[in-house]
Protein backbone atom coordinates (compact mmCIF):
# COMPACT_ATOMS: atom_id res chain seq x y z
CA MET A 1 20.58 24.32 85.19
CA LYS A 2 22.43 26.99 87.12
CA ILE A 3 21.89 30.55 85.94
CA CYS A 4 23.29 33.96 86.79
CA VAL A 5 20.97 36.97 86.49
CA ALA A 6 22.49 40.41 86.03
CA GLY A 7 20.33 43.41 86.90
CA GLU A 8 18.39 44.08 90.10
CA GLY A 9 15.93 46.54 88.55
CA ALA A 10 12.40 46.22 87.20
CA PHE A 11 13.11 43.62 84.53
CA GLY A 12 15.61 41.75 86.65
CA ASN A 13 12.77 41.19 89.11
CA LYS A 14 10.46 40.03 86.31
CA HIS A 15 12.98 37.40 85.22
CA LEU A 16 13.62 36.26 88.80
CA GLU A 17 9.87 35.80 89.26
CA ALA A 18 9.61 33.89 85.97
CA LEU A 19 12.57 31.62 86.66
CA ALA A 20 11.09 30.67 90.02
CA ARG A 21 8.22 29.04 88.10
CA ILE A 22 10.45 26.93 85.84
CA GLU A 23 11.43 23.46 87.05
CA GLY A 24 15.04 22.37 86.91
CA VAL A 25 16.44 25.91 87.03
CA GLU A 26 18.40 27.50 89.86
CA VAL A 27 19.52 31.12 90.02
CA VAL A 28 22.83 30.87 91.88
CA SER A 29 24.06 34.45 91.52
CA LEU A 30 22.55 37.92 91.15
CA VAL A 31 24.77 40.67 89.76
CA GLY A 32 23.65 44.22 90.41
CA GLY A 33 24.66 47.82 90.17
CA VAL A 34 23.57 49.05 93.62
CA ALA A 35 24.61 47.01 96.66
CA ASP A 36 21.55 47.53 98.89
CA ALA A 37 19.04 46.86 96.10
CA THR A 38 20.97 43.81 94.88
CA ALA A 39 21.20 42.32 98.37
CA ALA A 40 17.48 42.92 98.93
CA ALA A 41 16.50 41.27 95.63
CA ALA A 42 18.78 38.29 96.29
CA LYS A 43 17.16 37.81 99.69
CA LYS A 44 13.63 38.16 98.29
CA TYR A 45 14.15 35.48 95.65
CA GLY A 46 16.41 33.19 97.66
CA VAL A 47 19.50 33.71 95.51
CA PRO A 48 22.50 32.47 97.55
CA HIS A 49 25.13 34.78 96.07
CA TRP A 50 25.14 38.39 94.97
CA THR A 51 27.84 40.71 93.68
CA LEU A 52 28.41 43.94 91.79
CA ASP A 53 30.96 42.25 89.51
CA LEU A 54 29.67 40.34 86.46
CA ALA A 55 32.88 38.32 86.15
CA GLU A 56 32.40 37.07 89.72
CA GLY A 57 28.82 36.08 89.01
CA LEU A 58 29.78 34.20 85.85
CA ALA A 59 32.54 32.40 87.75
CA GLN A 60 30.18 30.85 90.30
CA SER A 61 30.38 27.06 90.32
CA GLY A 62 28.25 25.37 87.64
CA VAL A 63 26.90 28.52 85.98
CA GLU A 64 25.93 27.64 82.41
CA ALA A 65 24.04 30.74 81.35
CA VAL A 66 23.38 34.37 82.17
CA ILE A 67 20.35 36.61 81.72
CA LEU A 68 21.36 40.25 81.31
CA THR A 69 18.77 42.86 82.37
CA THR A 70 21.32 45.62 82.76
CA PRO A 71 21.40 49.17 81.28
CA THR A 72 21.09 49.29 77.49
CA PRO A 73 24.48 51.00 76.87
CA ILE A 74 26.36 47.99 78.33
CA HIS A 75 24.29 45.17 76.80
CA ALA A 76 26.72 44.45 73.98
CA ARG A 77 29.84 44.60 76.14
CA GLN A 78 28.38 42.29 78.77
CA ALA A 79 26.96 39.86 76.21
CA GLU A 80 30.42 39.60 74.67
CA GLN A 81 31.97 39.12 78.11
CA ALA A 82 29.54 36.29 78.86
CA MET A 83 30.14 34.47 75.57
CA ARG A 84 33.91 34.79 75.91
CA ALA A 85 33.51 33.22 79.35
CA GLY A 86 31.75 30.28 77.67
CA LYS A 87 28.25 31.11 78.94
CA HIS A 88 24.99 31.03 77.02
CA VAL A 89 23.41 34.48 77.12
CA LEU A 90 19.97 36.05 77.03
CA VAL A 91 20.25 39.84 76.89
CA GLU A 92 17.22 42.02 77.33
CA ILE A 93 16.10 44.09 74.38
CA PRO A 94 18.01 45.57 72.63
CA MET A 95 21.06 43.36 72.21
CA ALA A 96 23.00 46.57 71.43
CA ASP A 97 22.32 50.25 70.89
CA ASN A 98 24.02 50.37 67.49
CA LEU A 99 24.30 48.13 64.45
CA ALA A 100 28.06 47.59 64.56
CA ASP A 101 27.89 46.06 68.05
CA ALA A 102 24.91 43.89 67.06
CA GLU A 103 26.79 42.54 64.04
CA ARG A 104 29.82 41.82 66.22
CA LEU A 105 27.67 39.84 68.64
CA VAL A 106 26.18 37.75 65.82
CA LYS A 107 29.69 36.97 64.57
CA LEU A 108 30.86 35.97 68.07
CA GLN A 109 27.86 33.70 68.56
CA LYS A 110 28.71 31.86 65.35
CA GLU A 111 32.32 31.49 66.46
CA THR A 112 31.42 30.14 69.91
CA GLY A 113 28.34 28.09 69.03
CA LEU A 114 26.69 29.24 72.25
CA VAL A 115 22.99 30.03 72.57
CA ALA A 116 22.72 33.81 72.28
CA MET A 117 19.25 35.29 72.48
CA ALA A 118 17.78 38.79 72.52
CA GLY A 119 14.89 39.43 74.90
CA HIS A 120 12.29 40.31 72.27
CA VAL A 121 9.44 39.42 74.61
CA ARG A 122 6.71 40.43 72.15
CA ARG A 123 7.55 37.29 70.16
CA PHE A 124 6.51 35.30 73.22
CA ASN A 125 3.47 37.21 74.50
CA PRO A 126 0.43 34.90 74.02
CA SER A 127 -1.48 37.79 72.40
CA HIS A 128 0.99 38.13 69.54
CA GLN A 129 1.47 34.37 69.30
CA TRP A 130 -2.28 33.96 68.74
CA VAL A 131 -2.27 36.45 65.86
CA ARG A 132 0.82 34.84 64.33
CA ARG A 133 -0.79 31.41 64.33
CA LYS A 134 -3.94 32.76 62.69
CA MET A 135 -1.87 34.41 59.96
CA ALA A 136 0.21 31.27 59.43
CA ALA A 137 -3.00 29.28 59.00
CA GLY A 138 -4.23 31.74 56.37
CA GLU A 139 -7.13 32.92 58.54
CA LEU A 140 -5.83 36.48 58.82
CA LYS A 141 -3.86 38.77 56.55
CA LEU A 142 -2.29 41.88 58.00
CA GLN A 143 -3.33 45.17 56.38
CA GLN A 144 -2.08 47.67 58.93
CA PHE A 145 -0.26 47.46 62.24
CA ASN A 146 -0.58 50.42 64.61
CA ALA A 147 1.48 50.63 67.79
CA THR A 148 1.83 53.18 70.57
CA THR A 149 4.47 53.30 73.28
CA TYR A 150 3.75 55.96 75.86
CA PHE A 151 5.49 56.91 79.10
CA PHE A 152 5.77 60.00 81.26
CA ARG A 153 9.53 60.07 81.72
CA ARG A 154 10.85 63.61 81.81
CA THR A 155 13.32 62.58 84.49
CA ASN A 156 15.62 59.57 84.61
CA LEU A 157 13.37 57.02 86.35
CA ASN A 158 12.79 53.35 85.61
CA ALA A 159 9.52 51.41 85.40
CA LEU A 160 9.42 51.20 89.21
CA GLY A 161 9.84 54.97 89.58
CA GLN A 162 13.41 54.60 90.79
CA PRO A 163 16.37 56.76 89.66
CA ARG A 164 18.33 55.41 86.66
CA SER A 165 22.08 55.60 86.15
CA TRP A 166 21.58 55.67 82.35
CA THR A 167 19.26 57.26 79.82
CA ASP A 168 16.57 55.27 78.01
CA HIS A 169 16.05 55.68 74.26
CA LEU A 170 12.86 55.68 72.20
CA LEU A 171 14.46 54.29 69.03
CA TRP A 172 16.97 51.70 70.19
CA HIS A 173 14.88 50.36 73.06
CA HIS A 174 11.16 51.00 72.75
CA ALA A 175 10.84 51.15 68.97
CA CYS A 176 12.91 47.98 68.82
CA HIS A 177 9.97 46.04 70.34
CA ALA A 178 7.40 47.16 67.79
CA VAL A 179 9.65 47.21 64.72
CA ASP A 180 10.79 43.66 65.48
CA LEU A 181 7.20 42.58 65.97
CA PHE A 182 6.23 43.91 62.53
CA LEU A 183 9.17 42.17 60.84
CA TRP A 184 8.48 38.93 62.72
CA GLN A 185 4.76 38.89 61.94
CA THR A 186 5.19 39.73 58.25
CA GLY A 187 8.39 37.75 57.72
CA GLU A 188 9.60 40.60 55.50
CA VAL A 189 12.17 43.37 55.61
CA PRO A 190 10.48 46.76 55.01
CA VAL A 191 10.74 48.22 51.53
CA GLU A 192 9.99 51.70 52.89
CA ALA A 193 11.01 53.23 56.22
CA GLN A 194 10.82 56.73 57.60
CA ALA A 195 11.02 58.42 60.98
CA VAL A 196 10.54 61.84 62.55
CA GLN A 197 11.39 63.02 66.04
CA GLY A 198 10.61 65.94 68.28
CA PRO A 199 13.04 68.29 70.05
CA ILE A 200 15.99 66.93 71.97
CA HIS A 201 15.56 67.18 75.75
CA PRO A 202 18.15 69.72 77.01
CA GLU A 203 19.20 67.57 79.98
CA LEU A 204 18.52 63.96 78.93
CA GLY A 205 19.94 64.50 75.44
CA ILE A 206 17.29 62.37 73.71
CA ALA A 207 14.18 62.98 71.62
CA MET A 208 11.09 62.74 73.79
CA ASP A 209 8.66 62.11 70.92
CA MET A 210 9.04 60.03 67.76
CA GLY A 211 7.00 58.65 64.89
CA ILE A 212 7.96 55.73 62.61
CA GLN A 213 6.36 54.33 59.46
CA LEU A 214 7.26 51.14 57.58
CA LYS A 215 5.85 49.25 54.62
CA SER A 216 6.37 45.57 53.88
CA ALA A 217 6.87 44.07 50.43
CA SER A 218 3.40 42.53 50.60
CA GLY A 219 1.85 45.96 51.22
CA ALA A 220 1.18 45.88 54.98
CA ILE A 221 1.92 49.21 56.65
CA PHE A 222 3.18 49.98 60.13
CA THR A 223 2.72 53.15 62.19
CA LEU A 224 4.40 53.63 65.56
CA SER A 225 3.96 56.60 67.91
CA LEU A 226 6.35 56.91 70.85
CA SER A 227 6.49 59.49 73.64
CA PHE A 228 8.15 60.12 76.98
CA ASN A 229 5.82 63.13 77.37
CA ASN A 230 2.51 61.28 77.70
CA ASP A 231 0.75 62.21 80.95
CA GLY A 232 -1.65 59.29 81.16
CA PRO A 233 -1.79 55.49 81.02
CA LEU A 234 1.68 54.06 80.45
CA GLY A 235 2.73 51.21 78.24
CA SER A 236 2.67 49.77 74.74
CA PHE A 237 -0.43 48.77 72.80
CA TYR A 238 -0.68 47.10 69.39
CA ARG A 239 -3.59 47.10 66.93
CA TYR A 240 -3.66 44.51 64.15
CA ILE A 241 -6.00 45.58 61.36
CA CYS A 242 -6.51 42.49 59.20
CA ASP A 243 -8.64 41.44 56.26
CA ASN A 244 -10.79 39.36 58.57
CA GLY A 245 -10.93 41.18 61.89
CA THR A 246 -9.17 43.67 64.11
CA TYR A 247 -7.29 42.70 67.26
CA ILE A 248 -5.71 44.79 70.01
CA ALA A 249 -2.84 43.33 72.04
CA ARG A 250 -2.00 44.69 75.47
CA TYR A 251 1.03 42.72 76.60
CA ASP A 252 -0.28 39.22 77.41
CA GLU A 253 -3.95 40.09 76.77
CA LEU A 254 -5.85 40.28 73.46
CA VAL A 255 -9.25 41.73 72.54
CA ASP A 256 -11.00 42.16 69.21
CA GLY A 257 -11.94 45.52 67.68
CA TYR A 258 -15.02 45.68 69.93
CA GLU A 259 -13.00 45.03 73.10
CA LYS A 260 -14.27 41.44 73.38
CA PRO A 261 -11.58 39.27 75.05
CA VAL A 262 -9.95 36.57 72.96
CA ASP A 263 -9.36 33.19 74.63
CA LEU A 264 -5.60 32.62 74.75
CA SER A 265 -5.69 29.35 76.67
CA GLY A 266 -3.58 26.71 75.01
CA ILE A 267 -1.19 29.18 73.41
CA GLY A 268 1.54 28.29 75.90
CA VAL A 269 2.19 26.67 79.27
CA SER A 270 1.95 30.16 80.75
CA LEU A 271 0.24 33.43 79.89
CA ASN A 272 3.33 35.36 81.04
CA GLY A 273 5.49 36.52 78.14
CA VAL A 274 8.69 36.88 80.20
CA GLU A 275 8.30 33.35 81.54
CA LEU A 276 7.74 31.99 78.02
CA GLU A 277 10.82 33.89 76.85
CA ASP A 278 12.92 32.36 79.63
CA ARG A 279 11.53 28.90 78.90
CA GLU A 280 12.57 29.25 75.26
CA PHE A 281 16.10 30.24 76.31
CA ILE A 282 16.43 27.25 78.61
CA ALA A 283 14.91 24.85 76.07
CA ALA A 284 17.28 26.08 73.35
CA ILE A 285 20.27 25.38 75.61
CA ARG A 286 19.04 21.91 76.51
CA GLU A 287 18.13 21.05 72.92
CA ARG A 288 21.28 22.65 71.45
CA ARG A 289 19.37 24.76 68.93
CA ASP A 290 18.81 28.37 67.91
CA PRO A 291 16.16 30.14 70.02
CA GLU A 292 13.21 31.95 68.46
CA SER A 293 14.82 35.35 69.04
CA SER A 294 18.49 34.52 68.49
CA PHE A 295 20.89 37.36 67.83
CA ALA A 296 21.01 36.38 64.16
CA LYS A 297 17.22 36.29 63.79
CA CYS A 298 16.90 39.74 65.36
CA LEU A 299 19.68 41.34 63.31
CA PRO A 300 17.30 42.53 60.53
CA THR A 301 15.49 44.63 63.16
CA MET A 302 18.75 46.24 64.21
CA ARG A 303 19.45 47.08 60.57
CA VAL A 304 16.09 48.82 60.26
CA LEU A 305 16.75 50.84 63.43
CA ASP A 306 20.14 51.86 62.07
CA ARG A 307 18.49 52.89 58.80
CA LEU A 308 16.01 55.03 60.72
CA GLU A 309 18.67 56.61 62.92
CA ARG A 310 20.80 57.57 59.92
CA GLN A 311 17.73 59.12 58.34
CA LEU A 312 17.01 61.17 61.47
CA VAL A 313 20.60 62.43 61.63
CA ASP A 314 20.70 63.23 57.91
CA THR A 315 17.49 65.26 58.08
CA ALA A 316 18.58 67.13 61.23
CA PRO A 317 22.36 67.78 61.08
CA SER A 318 22.22 69.89 64.23
CA LEU A 319 21.24 66.80 66.21
CA LYS A 320 24.29 64.72 65.30
CA VAL A 321 26.02 65.25 68.63
CA ALA A 322 22.89 64.54 70.69
CA ALA A 323 22.07 61.45 68.62
CA GLY A 324 25.49 60.02 69.26
């Protein structure tokens, strides 16, 4: 299967590394935003063609699918471009930075019949998969889900410490991971949802701190703390407080409430969430089926984010311009 990857940044590199471990897959084109960085990444991973034009990458001979790891503000436009070009698409989280665009993508996927998947990698991390299987078997019942997403990002830098051409967003990007995880694990749309945010950064135009609370119909509650002001260890951590144990997930690793490691062997063919995500995308194309994180399956999460954003704007009218 010939694939085009768009995005030469931190997550583009993660997908290129993952795809190199999957048999029967060939990355034939890398589409980037900066010529030198794109050329260097193409050389590093042995990609024979690189370009700064997505249309050119999609037009390479035999390309069936594209993985988009490009800036969030252009996810929806590029996903639409790919589907209209007849290509299956995996777009990194979020599929869009507003509900209207997400709904349009779901409609287009239904019209084209293509595989269209959002990169909700938490659904594929072995740590979260282990908890999900325990809950499905009736061995665990979720009482409370606590999540933290902390970065020190007071300037426009990416995960590699390199300058960004766009501005990241706590709600539509980082909260999307944890909110989706709560909906996916409970299988329920929240009956209660509320959010608060700190001051808007005068230069970046975004809130640097945010708190979100949700409650499921079955009574499980969710608390998420997000910050771009945290001067300390970076990343996202998830605590499942259940009726029969507590578990803490750190990406692809899982420990219990006493920090004892949980054996995740056998959960998947890999312990790398990005690789498992890519394998699901490829399998869905080959098997002509909906992937685990299809656009349609992730739409409820986008609706919750929209609900939270409208609440934030309604409670702080002076922030309407900054919130977009």
